[in-house]
Amino acid sequence: MRSAVQRLDLRCDDNAGCDDDVQHAIGKAAEFGAKDGYMFECTTGLSRRLLSSPTCPVLDALGKKISFEIAVGLNGRVWVNATSPQTIIIVANVIMNSETLSDAQQRIMVEKLLKRIQ
């Protein structure tokens, strides 16, 4: 879904239009390097935690062992890409499951998961 202001004039009513053109959305995403991968939604609290400094423990622990790309928006949308679908699924699931865990619990979860898959 995309929207655009079609006319903006102080003397006239504004006119906004929406369009559900999937191909347009894919094309726009590709311009920013997001043509592959997986996008999911999380709470805005989790997205802020993923963007926080110092680095979020779950991303730090995953990044030391797995190669992946991530883009996080303050609106709760997270995009993940990696060389294999298995890695994308692992990263997305770990992030989604980390929300209610403490920093220490996040590190432990990642360590246990990585031992099982390697």
PDB file of N, CA and C in Angstrom:
ATOM      1  N   MET A   1       0.850  -1.165   0.000  1.00  0.00           N
ATOM      2  CA  MET A   1       0.000   0.000   0.000  1.00  0.00           C
ATOM      3  C   MET A   1       0.893   1.223   0.000  1.00  0.00           C
ATOM      4  N   ARG A   2       0.645   2.142  -0.881  1.00  0.00           N
ATOM      5  CA  ARG A   2       1.386   3.391  -0.875  1.00  0.00           C
ATOM      6  C   ARG A   2       0.405   4.529  -0.983  1.00  0.00           C
ATOM      7  N   SER A   3       0.795   5.674  -0.525  1.00  0.00           N
ATOM      8  CA  SER A   3      -0.053   6.845  -0.645  1.00  0.00           C
ATOM      9  C   SER A   3       0.809   8.020  -1.061  1.00  0.00           C
ATOM     10  N   ALA A   4       0.181   9.001  -1.662  1.00  0.00           N
ATOM     11  CA  ALA A   4       0.899  10.187  -2.097  1.00  0.00           C
ATOM     12  C   ALA A   4      -0.048  11.373  -2.095  1.00  0.00           C
ATOM     13  N   VAL A   5       0.457  12.523  -1.721  1.00  0.00           N
ATOM     14  CA  VAL A   5      -0.322  13.746  -1.811  1.00  0.00           C
ATOM     15  C   VAL A   5      -0.259  14.187  -3.262  1.00  0.00           C
ATOM     16  N   GLN A   6      -1.407  14.267  -3.886  1.00  0.00           N
ATOM     17  CA  GLN A   6      -1.446  14.583  -5.305  1.00  0.00           C
ATOM     18  C   GLN A   6      -1.510  16.086  -5.567  1.00  0.00           C
ATOM     19  N   ARG A   7      -2.042  16.838  -4.633  1.00  0.00           N
ATOM     20  CA  ARG A   7      -2.121  18.274  -4.823  1.00  0.00           C
ATOM     21  C   ARG A   7      -2.067  18.935  -3.453  1.00  0.00           C
ATOM     22  N   LEU A   8      -1.216  19.907  -3.309  1.00  0.00           N
ATOM     23  CA  LEU A   8      -1.100  20.626  -2.059  1.00  0.00           C
ATOM     24  C   LEU A   8      -1.113  22.114  -2.382  1.00  0.00           C
ATOM     25  N   ASP A   9      -2.193  22.762  -2.011  1.00  0.00           N
ATOM     26  CA  ASP A   9      -2.357  24.185  -2.282  1.00  0.00           C
ATOM     27  C   ASP A   9      -3.088  24.789  -1.093  1.00  0.00           C
ATOM     28  N   LEU A  10      -2.644  25.918  -0.620  1.00  0.00           N
ATOM     29  CA  LEU A  10      -3.253  26.551   0.548  1.00  0.00           C
ATOM     30  C   LEU A  10      -4.676  27.017   0.279  1.00  0.00           C
ATOM     31  N   ARG A  11      -5.017  27.279  -0.971  1.00  0.00           N
ATOM     32  CA  ARG A  11      -6.347  27.789  -1.303  1.00  0.00           C
ATOM     33  C   ARG A  11      -7.335  26.671  -1.614  1.00  0.00           C
ATOM     34  N   CYS A  12      -6.868  25.464  -1.836  1.00  0.00           N
ATOM     35  CA  CYS A  12      -7.743  24.359  -2.235  1.00  0.00           C
ATOM     36  C   CYS A  12      -7.635  23.213  -1.244  1.00  0.00           C
ATOM     37  N   ASP A  13      -8.610  22.314  -1.317  1.00  0.00           N
ATOM     38  CA  ASP A  13      -8.545  21.103  -0.498  1.00  0.00           C
ATOM     39  C   ASP A  13      -7.425  20.209  -1.001  1.00  0.00           C
ATOM     40  N   ASP A  14      -6.759  19.553  -0.080  1.00  0.00           N
ATOM     41  CA  ASP A  14      -5.701  18.624  -0.468  1.00  0.00           C
ATOM     42  C   ASP A  14      -6.328  17.357  -1.024  1.00  0.00           C
ATOM     43  N   ASN A  15      -5.603  16.705  -1.886  1.00  0.00           N
ATOM     44  CA  ASN A  15      -6.083  15.485  -2.502  1.00  0.00           C
ATOM     45  C   ASN A  15      -5.024  14.404  -2.298  1.00  0.00           C
ATOM     46  N   ALA A  16      -5.360  13.361  -1.574  1.00  0.00           N
ATOM     47  CA  ALA A  16      -4.425  12.267  -1.338  1.00  0.00           C
ATOM     48  C   ALA A  16      -4.957  11.011  -2.007  1.00  0.00           C
ATOM     49  N   GLY A  17      -4.064  10.242  -2.576  1.00  0.00           N
ATOM     50  CA  GLY A  17      -4.472   9.012  -3.240  1.00  0.00           C
ATOM     51  C   GLY A  17      -3.712   7.823  -2.698  1.00  0.00           C
ATOM     52  N   CYS A  18      -4.361   6.674  -2.684  1.00  0.00           N
ATOM     53  CA  CYS A  18      -3.731   5.433  -2.234  1.00  0.00           C
ATOM     54  C   CYS A  18      -3.767   4.433  -3.373  1.00  0.00           C
ATOM     55  N   ASP A  19      -2.794   3.551  -3.360  1.00  0.00           N
ATOM     56  CA  ASP A  19      -2.778   2.540  -4.392  1.00  0.00           C
ATOM     57  C   ASP A  19      -2.136   1.286  -3.860  1.00  0.00           C
ATOM     58  N   ASP A  20      -2.677   0.190  -4.276  1.00  0.00           N
ATOM     59  CA  ASP A  20      -2.302  -1.113  -3.752  1.00  0.00           C
ATOM     60  C   ASP A  20      -1.448  -1.864  -4.770  1.00  0.00           C
ATOM     61  N   ASP A  21      -0.668  -1.162  -5.506  1.00  0.00           N
ATOM     62  CA  ASP A  21       0.122  -1.750  -6.576  1.00  0.00           C
ATOM     63  C   ASP A  21       1.328  -2.501  -6.004  1.00  0.00           C
ATOM     64  N   VAL A  22       1.236  -3.806  -5.972  1.00  0.00           N
ATOM     65  CA  VAL A  22       2.289  -4.629  -5.388  1.00  0.00           C
ATOM     66  C   VAL A  22       3.591  -4.484  -6.170  1.00  0.00           C
ATOM     67  N   GLN A  23       3.504  -4.482  -7.482  1.00  0.00           N
ATOM     68  CA  GLN A  23       4.719  -4.356  -8.289  1.00  0.00           C
ATOM     69  C   GLN A  23       5.427  -3.037  -8.028  1.00  0.00           C
ATOM     70  N   HIS A  24       4.666  -1.964  -7.834  1.00  0.00           N
ATOM     71  CA  HIS A  24       5.276  -0.672  -7.523  1.00  0.00           C
ATOM     72  C   HIS A  24       6.012  -0.756  -6.186  1.00  0.00           C
ATOM     73  N   ALA A  25       5.377  -1.377  -5.199  1.00  0.00           N
ATOM     74  CA  ALA A  25       6.003  -1.503  -3.877  1.00  0.00           C
ATOM     75  C   ALA A  25       7.281  -2.333  -3.961  1.00  0.00           C
ATOM     76  N   ILE A  26       7.253  -3.411  -4.737  1.00  0.00           N
ATOM     77  CA  ILE A  26       8.445  -4.246  -4.892  1.00  0.00           C
ATOM     78  C   ILE A  26       9.550  -3.460  -5.575  1.00  0.00           C
ATOM     79  N   GLY A  27       9.182  -2.685  -6.587  1.00  0.00           N
ATOM     80  CA  GLY A  27      10.166  -1.866  -7.284  1.00  0.00           C
ATOM     81  C   GLY A  27      10.805  -0.838  -6.369  1.00  0.00           C
ATOM     82  N   LYS A  28       9.995  -0.192  -5.540  1.00  0.00           N
ATOM     83  CA  LYS A  28      10.525   0.798  -4.596  1.00  0.00           C
ATOM     84  C   LYS A  28      11.441   0.127  -3.577  1.00  0.00           C
ATOM     85  N   ALA A  29      11.055  -1.032  -3.085  1.00  0.00           N
ATOM     86  CA  ALA A  29      11.884  -1.742  -2.115  1.00  0.00           C
ATOM     87  C   ALA A  29      13.217  -2.136  -2.739  1.00  0.00           C
ATOM     88  N   ALA A  30      13.184  -2.547  -4.018  1.00  0.00           N
ATOM     89  CA  ALA A  30      14.409  -2.949  -4.701  1.00  0.00           C
ATOM     90  C   ALA A  30      15.380  -1.785  -4.842  1.00  0.00           C
ATOM     91  N   GLU A  31      14.851  -0.565  -4.973  1.00  0.00           N
ATOM     92  CA  GLU A  31      15.719   0.608  -5.065  1.00  0.00           C
ATOM     93  C   GLU A  31      16.576   0.767  -3.815  1.00  0.00           C
ATOM     94  N   PHE A  32      16.052   0.311  -2.695  1.00  0.00           N
ATOM     95  CA  PHE A  32      16.767   0.431  -1.434  1.00  0.00           C
ATOM     96  C   PHE A  32      17.459  -0.869  -1.032  1.00  0.00           C
ATOM     97  N   GLY A  33      17.565  -1.830  -1.946  1.00  0.00           N
ATOM     98  CA  GLY A  33      18.269  -3.072  -1.693  1.00  0.00           C
ATOM     99  C   GLY A  33      17.457  -4.101  -0.936  1.00  0.00           C
ATOM    100  N   ALA A  34      16.150  -3.949  -0.868  1.00  0.00           N
ATOM    101  CA  ALA A  34      15.322  -4.854  -0.085  1.00  0.00           C
ATOM    102  C   ALA A  34      14.450  -5.748  -0.962  1.00  0.00           C
ATOM    103  N   LYS A  35      14.995  -6.213  -2.081  1.00  0.00           N
ATOM    104  CA  LYS A  35      14.177  -7.013  -2.992  1.00  0.00           C
ATOM    105  C   LYS A  35      14.053  -8.461  -2.550  1.00  0.00           C
ATOM    106  N   ASP A  36      14.989  -8.972  -1.796  1.00  0.00           N
ATOM    107  CA  ASP A  36      14.931 -10.334  -1.290  1.00  0.00           C
ATOM    108  C   ASP A  36      14.709 -10.284   0.212  1.00  0.00           C
ATOM    109  N   GLY A  37      14.735 -11.431   0.845  1.00  0.00           N
ATOM    110  CA  GLY A  37      14.631 -11.462   2.294  1.00  0.00           C
ATOM    111  C   GLY A  37      13.202 -11.630   2.768  1.00  0.00           C
ATOM    112  N   TYR A  38      13.011 -11.311   4.035  1.00  0.00           N
ATOM    113  CA  TYR A  38      11.733 -11.524   4.705  1.00  0.00           C
ATOM    114  C   TYR A  38      11.441 -10.326   5.579  1.00  0.00           C
ATOM    115  N   MET A  39      10.225  -9.805   5.483  1.00  0.00           N
ATOM    116  CA  MET A  39       9.825  -8.700   6.331  1.00  0.00           C
ATOM    117  C   MET A  39       8.735  -9.162   7.284  1.00  0.00           C
ATOM    118  N   PHE A  40       8.865  -8.773   8.548  1.00  0.00           N
ATOM    119  CA  PHE A  40       7.841  -9.105   9.529  1.00  0.00           C
ATOM    120  C   PHE A  40       7.613  -7.898  10.425  1.00  0.00           C
ATOM    121  N   GLU A  41       6.546  -7.952  11.166  1.00  0.00           N
ATOM    122  CA  GLU A  41       6.224  -6.859  12.076  1.00  0.00           C
ATOM    123  C   GLU A  41       6.432  -7.304  13.509  1.00  0.00           C
ATOM    124  N   CYS A  42       6.897  -6.366  14.320  1.00  0.00           N
ATOM    125  CA  CYS A  42       7.058  -6.596  15.749  1.00  0.00           C
ATOM    126  C   CYS A  42       6.525  -5.364  16.476  1.00  0.00           C
ATOM    127  N   THR A  43       6.575  -5.375  17.763  1.00  0.00           N
ATOM    128  CA  THR A  43       6.128  -4.211  18.505  1.00  0.00           C
ATOM    129  C   THR A  43       7.134  -3.078  18.337  1.00  0.00           C
ATOM    130  N   THR A  44       6.675  -1.869  18.545  1.00  0.00           N
ATOM    131  CA  THR A  44       7.592  -0.730  18.438  1.00  0.00           C
ATOM    132  C   THR A  44       8.618  -0.768  19.574  1.00  0.00           C
ATOM    133  N   GLY A  45       8.245  -1.366  20.685  1.00  0.00           N
ATOM    134  CA  GLY A  45       9.202  -1.513  21.790  1.00  0.00           C
ATOM    135  C   GLY A  45      10.375  -2.395  21.398  1.00  0.00           C
ATOM    136  N   LEU A  46      10.074  -3.507  20.710  1.00  0.00           N
ATOM    137  CA  LEU A  46      11.145  -4.391  20.260  1.00  0.00           C
ATOM    138  C   LEU A  46      11.984  -3.710  19.189  1.00  0.00           C
ATOM    139  N   SER A  47      11.340  -2.983  18.280  1.00  0.00           N
ATOM    140  CA  SER A  47      12.128  -2.306  17.234  1.00  0.00           C
ATOM    141  C   SER A  47      13.070  -1.276  17.853  1.00  0.00           C
ATOM    142  N   ARG A  48      12.617  -0.562  18.871  1.00  0.00           N
ATOM    143  CA  ARG A  48      13.508   0.393  19.555  1.00  0.00           C
ATOM    144  C   ARG A  48      14.656  -0.331  20.250  1.00  0.00           C
ATOM    145  N   ARG A  49      14.359  -1.492  20.804  1.00  0.00           N
ATOM    146  CA  ARG A  49      15.416  -2.268  21.472  1.00  0.00           C
ATOM    147  C   ARG A  49      16.450  -2.757  20.458  1.00  0.00           C
ATOM    148  N   LEU A  50      15.977  -3.170  19.277  1.00  0.00           N
ATOM    149  CA  LEU A  50      16.896  -3.622  18.231  1.00  0.00           C
ATOM    150  C   LEU A  50      17.786  -2.488  17.741  1.00  0.00           C
ATOM    151  N   LEU A  51      17.269  -1.271  17.769  1.00  0.00           N
ATOM    152  CA  LEU A  51      18.021  -0.104  17.305  1.00  0.00           C
ATOM    153  C   LEU A  51      18.851   0.556  18.395  1.00  0.00           C
ATOM    154  N   SER A  52      18.719   0.088  19.619  1.00  0.00           N
ATOM    155  CA  SER A  52      19.348   0.766  20.751  1.00  0.00           C
ATOM    156  C   SER A  52      20.872   0.660  20.736  1.00  0.00           C
ATOM    157  N   SER A  53      21.470   1.538  21.480  1.00  0.00           N
ATOM    158  CA  SER A  53      22.915   1.517  21.671  1.00  0.00           C
ATOM    159  C   SER A  53      23.164   1.441  23.164  1.00  0.00           C
ATOM    160  N   PRO A  54      23.951   0.562  23.682  1.00  0.00           N
ATOM    161  CA  PRO A  54      24.783  -0.418  22.987  1.00  0.00           C
ATOM    162  C   PRO A  54      23.933  -1.430  22.222  1.00  0.00           C
ATOM    163  N   THR A  55      24.593  -2.175  21.374  1.00  0.00           N
ATOM    164  CA  THR A  55      23.919  -3.109  20.482  1.00  0.00           C
ATOM    165  C   THR A  55      23.039  -4.083  21.251  1.00  0.00           C
ATOM    166  N   CYS A  56      21.889  -4.358  20.670  1.00  0.00           N
ATOM    167  CA  CYS A  56      20.950  -5.322  21.247  1.00  0.00           C
ATOM    168  C   CYS A  56      21.653  -6.679  21.374  1.00  0.00           C
ATOM    169  N   PRO A  57      21.556  -7.325  22.534  1.00  0.00           N
ATOM    170  CA  PRO A  57      22.263  -8.592  22.762  1.00  0.00           C
ATOM    171  C   PRO A  57      21.937  -9.694  21.749  1.00  0.00           C
ATOM    172  N   VAL A  58      20.686  -9.774  21.327  1.00  0.00           N
ATOM    173  CA  VAL A  58      20.323 -10.836  20.392  1.00  0.00           C
ATOM    174  C   VAL A  58      20.993 -10.596  19.031  1.00  0.00           C
ATOM    175  N   LEU A  59      21.044  -9.354  18.574  1.00  0.00           N
ATOM    176  CA  LEU A  59      21.708  -9.061  17.302  1.00  0.00           C
ATOM    177  C   LEU A  59      23.212  -9.224  17.421  1.00  0.00           C
ATOM    178  N   ASP A  60      23.754  -8.833  18.555  1.00  0.00           N
ATOM    179  CA  ASP A  60      25.188  -8.971  18.789  1.00  0.00           C
ATOM    180  C   ASP A  60      25.600 -10.445  18.771  1.00  0.00           C
ATOM    181  N   ALA A  61      24.846 -11.282  19.485  1.00  0.00           N
ATOM    182  CA  ALA A  61      25.166 -12.710  19.552  1.00  0.00           C
ATOM    183  C   ALA A  61      24.982 -13.391  18.197  1.00  0.00           C
ATOM    184  N   LEU A  62      23.914 -13.059  17.494  1.00  0.00           N
ATOM    185  CA  LEU A  62      23.691 -13.647  16.169  1.00  0.00           C
ATOM    186  C   LEU A  62      24.758 -13.201  15.181  1.00  0.00           C
ATOM    187  N   GLY A  63      25.099 -11.919  15.218  1.00  0.00           N
ATOM    188  CA  GLY A  63      26.061 -11.363  14.270  1.00  0.00           C
ATOM    189  C   GLY A  63      27.454 -11.930  14.397  1.00  0.00           C
ATOM    190  N   LYS A  64      27.797 -12.464  15.566  1.00  0.00           N
ATOM    191  CA  LYS A  64      29.115 -13.064  15.752  1.00  0.00           C
ATOM    192  C   LYS A  64      29.230 -14.421  15.075  1.00  0.00           C
ATOM    193  N   LYS A  65      28.100 -15.091  14.842  1.00  0.00           N
ATOM    194  CA  LYS A  65      28.130 -16.450  14.301  1.00  0.00           C
ATOM    195  C   LYS A  65      27.468 -16.607  12.937  1.00  0.00           C
ATOM    196  N   ILE A  66      26.533 -15.709  12.604  1.00  0.00           N
ATOM    197  CA  ILE A  66      25.757 -15.846  11.374  1.00  0.00           C
ATOM    198  C   ILE A  66      25.875 -14.547  10.572  1.00  0.00           C
ATOM    199  N   SER A  67      26.000 -14.691   9.263  1.00  0.00           N
ATOM    200  CA  SER A  67      26.040 -13.528   8.386  1.00  0.00           C
ATOM    201  C   SER A  67      24.623 -13.235   7.888  1.00  0.00           C
ATOM    202  N   PHE A  68      24.135 -12.017   8.140  1.00  0.00           N
ATOM    203  CA  PHE A  68      22.811 -11.615   7.690  1.00  0.00           C
ATOM    204  C   PHE A  68      22.730 -10.101   7.600  1.00  0.00           C
ATOM    205  N   GLU A  69      21.718  -9.635   6.877  1.00  0.00           N
ATOM    206  CA  GLU A  69      21.432  -8.209   6.777  1.00  0.00           C
ATOM    207  C   GLU A  69      20.122  -7.948   7.504  1.00  0.00           C
ATOM    208  N   ILE A  70      20.005  -6.756   8.094  1.00  0.00           N
ATOM    209  CA  ILE A  70      18.770  -6.412   8.790  1.00  0.00           C
ATOM    210  C   ILE A  70      18.504  -4.924   8.636  1.00  0.00           C
ATOM    211  N   ALA A  71      17.234  -4.600   8.500  1.00  0.00           N
ATOM    212  CA  ALA A  71      16.789  -3.207   8.504  1.00  0.00           C
ATOM    213  C   ALA A  71      15.614  -3.135   9.469  1.00  0.00           C
ATOM    214  N   VAL A  72      15.673  -2.196  10.393  1.00  0.00           N
ATOM    215  CA  VAL A  72      14.647  -2.078  11.423  1.00  0.00           C
ATOM    216  C   VAL A  72      14.046  -0.684  11.351  1.00  0.00           C
ATOM    217  N   GLY A  73      12.720  -0.623  11.325  1.00  0.00           N
ATOM    218  CA  GLY A  73      12.028   0.660  11.327  1.00  0.00           C
ATOM    219  C   GLY A  73      11.392   0.919  12.677  1.00  0.00           C
ATOM    220  N   LEU A  74      11.292   2.162  13.041  1.00  0.00           N
ATOM    221  CA  LEU A  74      10.646   2.513  14.306  1.00  0.00           C
ATOM    222  C   LEU A  74       9.157   2.174  14.296  1.00  0.00           C
ATOM    223  N   ASN A  75       8.613   1.891  13.119  1.00  0.00           N
ATOM    224  CA  ASN A  75       7.205   1.516  13.015  1.00  0.00           C
ATOM    225  C   ASN A  75       6.967   0.038  13.333  1.00  0.00           C
ATOM    226  N   GLY A  76       8.029  -0.693  13.666  1.00  0.00           N
ATOM    227  CA  GLY A  76       7.889  -2.100  14.018  1.00  0.00           C
ATOM    228  C   GLY A  76       8.100  -3.064  12.869  1.00  0.00           C
ATOM    229  N   ARG A  77       8.512  -2.568  11.731  1.00  0.00           N
ATOM    230  CA  ARG A  77       8.784  -3.460  10.607  1.00  0.00           C
ATOM    231  C   ARG A  77      10.264  -3.806  10.575  1.00  0.00           C
ATOM    232  N   VAL A  78      10.524  -5.096  10.404  1.00  0.00           N
ATOM    233  CA  VAL A  78      11.898  -5.598  10.385  1.00  0.00           C
ATOM    234  C   VAL A  78      12.081  -6.403   9.109  1.00  0.00           C
ATOM    235  N   TRP A  79      13.168  -6.127   8.391  1.00  0.00           N
ATOM    236  CA  TRP A  79      13.499  -6.856   7.172  1.00  0.00           C
ATOM    237  C   TRP A  79      14.811  -7.592   7.414  1.00  0.00           C
ATOM    238  N   VAL A  80      14.831  -8.878   7.074  1.00  0.00           N
ATOM    239  CA  VAL A  80      16.013  -9.714   7.260  1.00  0.00           C
ATOM    240  C   VAL A  80      16.339 -10.399   5.945  1.00  0.00           C
ATOM    241  N   ASN A  81      17.625 -10.457   5.620  1.00  0.00           N
ATOM    242  CA  ASN A  81      18.070 -11.183   4.439  1.00  0.00           C
ATOM    243  C   ASN A  81      19.357 -11.920   4.775  1.00  0.00           C
ATOM    244  N   ALA A  82      19.550 -13.076   4.152  1.00  0.00           N
ATOM    245  CA  ALA A  82      20.760 -13.881   4.340  1.00  0.00           C
ATOM    246  C   ALA A  82      20.940 -14.743   3.098  1.00  0.00           C
ATOM    247  N   THR A  83      22.028 -15.486   3.083  1.00  0.00           N
ATOM    248  CA  THR A  83      22.322 -16.300   1.903  1.00  0.00           C
ATOM    249  C   THR A  83      21.408 -17.517   1.780  1.00  0.00           C
ATOM    250  N   SER A  84      20.850 -17.983   2.889  1.00  0.00           N
ATOM    251  CA  SER A  84      19.969 -19.149   2.810  1.00  0.00           C
ATOM    252  C   SER A  84      18.639 -18.867   3.512  1.00  0.00           C
ATOM    253  N   PRO A  85      17.563 -19.490   3.028  1.00  0.00           N
ATOM    254  CA  PRO A  85      16.262 -19.324   3.678  1.00  0.00           C
ATOM    255  C   PRO A  85      16.287 -19.789   5.137  1.00  0.00           C
ATOM    256  N   GLN A  86      17.060 -20.837   5.433  1.00  0.00           N
ATOM    257  CA  GLN A  86      17.156 -21.344   6.795  1.00  0.00           C
ATOM    258  C   GLN A  86      17.688 -20.259   7.730  1.00  0.00           C
ATOM    259  N   THR A  87      18.707 -19.536   7.304  1.00  0.00           N
ATOM    260  CA  THR A  87      19.285 -18.474   8.125  1.00  0.00           C
ATOM    261  C   THR A  87      18.291 -17.347   8.332  1.00  0.00           C
ATOM    262  N   ILE A  88      17.553 -16.987   7.294  1.00  0.00           N
ATOM    263  CA  ILE A  88      16.542 -15.934   7.416  1.00  0.00           C
ATOM    264  C   ILE A  88      15.502 -16.320   8.454  1.00  0.00           C
ATOM    265  N   ILE A  89      15.034 -17.561   8.397  1.00  0.00           N
ATOM    266  CA  ILE A  89      14.017 -18.039   9.340  1.00  0.00           C
ATOM    267  C   ILE A  89      14.561 -18.044  10.763  1.00  0.00           C
ATOM    268  N   ILE A  90      15.787 -18.489  10.934  1.00  0.00           N
ATOM    269  CA  ILE A  90      16.398 -18.523  12.269  1.00  0.00           C
ATOM    270  C   ILE A  90      16.486 -17.122  12.849  1.00  0.00           C
ATOM    271  N   VAL A  91      17.016 -16.182  12.078  1.00  0.00           N
ATOM    272  CA  VAL A  91      17.182 -14.811  12.567  1.00  0.00           C
ATOM    273  C   VAL A  91      15.832 -14.191  12.911  1.00  0.00           C
ATOM    274  N   ALA A  92      14.854 -14.336  12.020  1.00  0.00           N
ATOM    275  CA  ALA A  92      13.525 -13.762  12.268  1.00  0.00           C
ATOM    276  C   ALA A  92      12.885 -14.355  13.516  1.00  0.00           C
ATOM    277  N   ASN A  93      12.961 -15.678  13.668  1.00  0.00           N
ATOM    278  CA  ASN A  93      12.357 -16.328  14.837  1.00  0.00           C
ATOM    279  C   ASN A  93      13.051 -15.932  16.132  1.00  0.00           C
ATOM    280  N   VAL A  94      14.366 -15.856  16.094  1.00  0.00           N
ATOM    281  CA  VAL A  94      15.101 -15.457  17.306  1.00  0.00           C
ATOM    282  C   VAL A  94      14.711 -14.035  17.721  1.00  0.00           C
ATOM    283  N   ILE A  95      14.625 -13.148  16.749  1.00  0.00           N
ATOM    284  CA  ILE A  95      14.255 -11.762  17.065  1.00  0.00           C
ATOM    285  C   ILE A  95      12.850 -11.711  17.656  1.00  0.00           C
ATOM    286  N   MET A  96      11.907 -12.389  17.022  1.00  0.00           N
ATOM    287  CA  MET A  96      10.525 -12.363  17.511  1.00  0.00           C
ATOM    288  C   MET A  96      10.401 -12.985  18.902  1.00  0.00           C
ATOM    289  N   ASN A  97      11.200 -14.018  19.172  1.00  0.00           N
ATOM    290  CA  ASN A  97      11.125 -14.685  20.478  1.00  0.00           C
ATOM    291  C   ASN A  97      11.911 -13.962  21.570  1.00  0.00           C
ATOM    292  N   SER A  98      12.688 -12.960  21.202  1.00  0.00           N
ATOM    293  CA  SER A  98      13.547 -12.287  22.183  1.00  0.00           C
ATOM    294  C   SER A  98      12.853 -11.174  22.952  1.00  0.00           C
ATOM    295  N   GLU A  99      11.680 -10.793  22.532  1.00  0.00           N
ATOM    296  CA  GLU A  99      11.041  -9.588  23.081  1.00  0.00           C
ATOM    297  C   GLU A  99      10.862  -9.615  24.594  1.00  0.00           C
ATOM    298  N   THR A 100      10.453 -10.725  25.138  1.00  0.00           N
ATOM    299  CA  THR A 100      10.164 -10.783  26.574  1.00  0.00           C
ATOM    300  C   THR A 100      11.345 -11.282  27.405  1.00  0.00           C
ATOM    301  N   LEU A 101      12.489 -11.488  26.765  1.00  0.00           N
ATOM    302  CA  LEU A 101      13.654 -12.025  27.470  1.00  0.00           C
ATOM    303  C   LEU A 101      14.589 -10.912  27.934  1.00  0.00           C
ATOM    304  N   SER A 102      15.285 -11.176  29.008  1.00  0.00           N
ATOM    305  CA  SER A 102      16.313 -10.244  29.475  1.00  0.00           C
ATOM    306  C   SER A 102      17.532 -10.357  28.558  1.00  0.00           C
ATOM    307  N   ASP A 103      18.486  -9.455  28.732  1.00  0.00           N
ATOM    308  CA  ASP A 103      19.701  -9.496  27.913  1.00  0.00           C
ATOM    309  C   ASP A 103      20.426 -10.827  28.061  1.00  0.00           C
ATOM    310  N   ALA A 104      20.566 -11.306  29.285  1.00  0.00           N
ATOM    311  CA  ALA A 104      21.250 -12.578  29.535  1.00  0.00           C
ATOM    312  C   ALA A 104      20.485 -13.745  28.906  1.00  0.00           C
ATOM    313  N   GLN A 105      19.167 -13.729  29.037  1.00  0.00           N
ATOM    314  CA  GLN A 105      18.354 -14.794  28.455  1.00  0.00           C
ATOM    315  C   GLN A 105      18.446 -14.797  26.928  1.00  0.00           C
ATOM    316  N   GLN A 106      18.546 -13.615  26.326  1.00  0.00           N
ATOM    317  CA  GLN A 106      18.695 -13.534  24.875  1.00  0.00           C
ATOM    318  C   GLN A 106      19.988 -14.199  24.429  1.00  0.00           C
ATOM    319  N   ARG A 107      21.081 -13.912  25.122  1.00  0.00           N
ATOM    320  CA  ARG A 107      22.379 -14.520  24.768  1.00  0.00           C
ATOM    321  C   ARG A 107      22.335 -16.037  24.912  1.00  0.00           C
ATOM    322  N   ILE A 108      21.738 -16.508  25.990  1.00  0.00           N
ATOM    323  CA  ILE A 108      21.631 -17.952  26.230  1.00  0.00           C
ATOM    324  C   ILE A 108      20.795 -18.611  25.135  1.00  0.00           C
ATOM    325  N   MET A 109      19.671 -17.990  24.761  1.00  0.00           N
ATOM    326  CA  MET A 109      18.810 -18.541  23.708  1.00  0.00           C
ATOM    327  C   MET A 109      19.582 -18.676  22.400  1.00  0.00           C
ATOM    328  N   VAL A 110      20.330 -17.638  22.029  1.00  0.00           N
ATOM    329  CA  VAL A 110      21.090 -17.673  20.778  1.00  0.00           C
ATOM    330  C   VAL A 110      22.166 -18.750  20.844  1.00  0.00           C
ATOM    331  N   GLU A 111      22.897 -18.838  21.952  1.00  0.00           N
ATOM    332  CA  GLU A 111      23.950 -19.848  22.093  1.00  0.00           C
ATOM    333  C   GLU A 111      23.387 -21.259  21.957  1.00  0.00           C
ATOM    334  N   LYS A 112      22.273 -21.546  22.627  1.00  0.00           N
ATOM    335  CA  LYS A 112      21.663 -22.873  22.569  1.00  0.00           C
ATOM    336  C   LYS A 112      21.182 -23.188  21.155  1.00  0.00           C
ATOM    337  N   LEU A 113      20.574 -22.220  20.502  1.00  0.00           N
ATOM    338  CA  LEU A 113      20.082 -22.427  19.143  1.00  0.00           C
ATOM    339  C   LEU A 113      21.236 -22.704  18.186  1.00  0.00           C
ATOM    340  N   LEU A 114      22.293 -21.922  18.287  1.00  0.00           N
ATOM    341  CA  LEU A 114      23.423 -22.093  17.372  1.00  0.00           C
ATOM    342  C   LEU A 114      24.119 -23.430  17.584  1.00  0.00           C
ATOM    343  N   LYS A 115      24.152 -23.926  18.820  1.00  0.00           N
ATOM    344  CA  LYS A 115      24.739 -25.254  19.065  1.00  0.00           C
ATOM    345  C   LYS A 115      23.925 -26.336  18.400  1.00  0.00           C
ATOM    346  N   ARG A 116      22.594 -26.170  18.386  1.00  0.00           N
ATOM    347  CA  ARG A 116      21.716 -27.184  17.793  1.00  0.00           C
ATOM    348  C   ARG A 116      21.794 -27.217  16.272  1.00  0.00           C
ATOM    349  N   ILE A 117      22.002 -26.064  15.646  1.00  0.00           N
ATOM    350  CA  ILE A 117      21.975 -26.049  14.180  1.00  0.00           C
ATOM    351  C   ILE A 117      23.343 -26.267  13.544  1.00  0.00           C
ATOM    352  N   GLN A 118      24.416 -26.196  14.311  1.00  0.00           N
ATOM    353  CA  GLN A 118      25.742 -26.364  13.727  1.00  0.00           C
ATOM    354  C   GLN A 118      26.308 -27.731  13.960  1.00  0.00           C
TER     355      GLN A 118
END
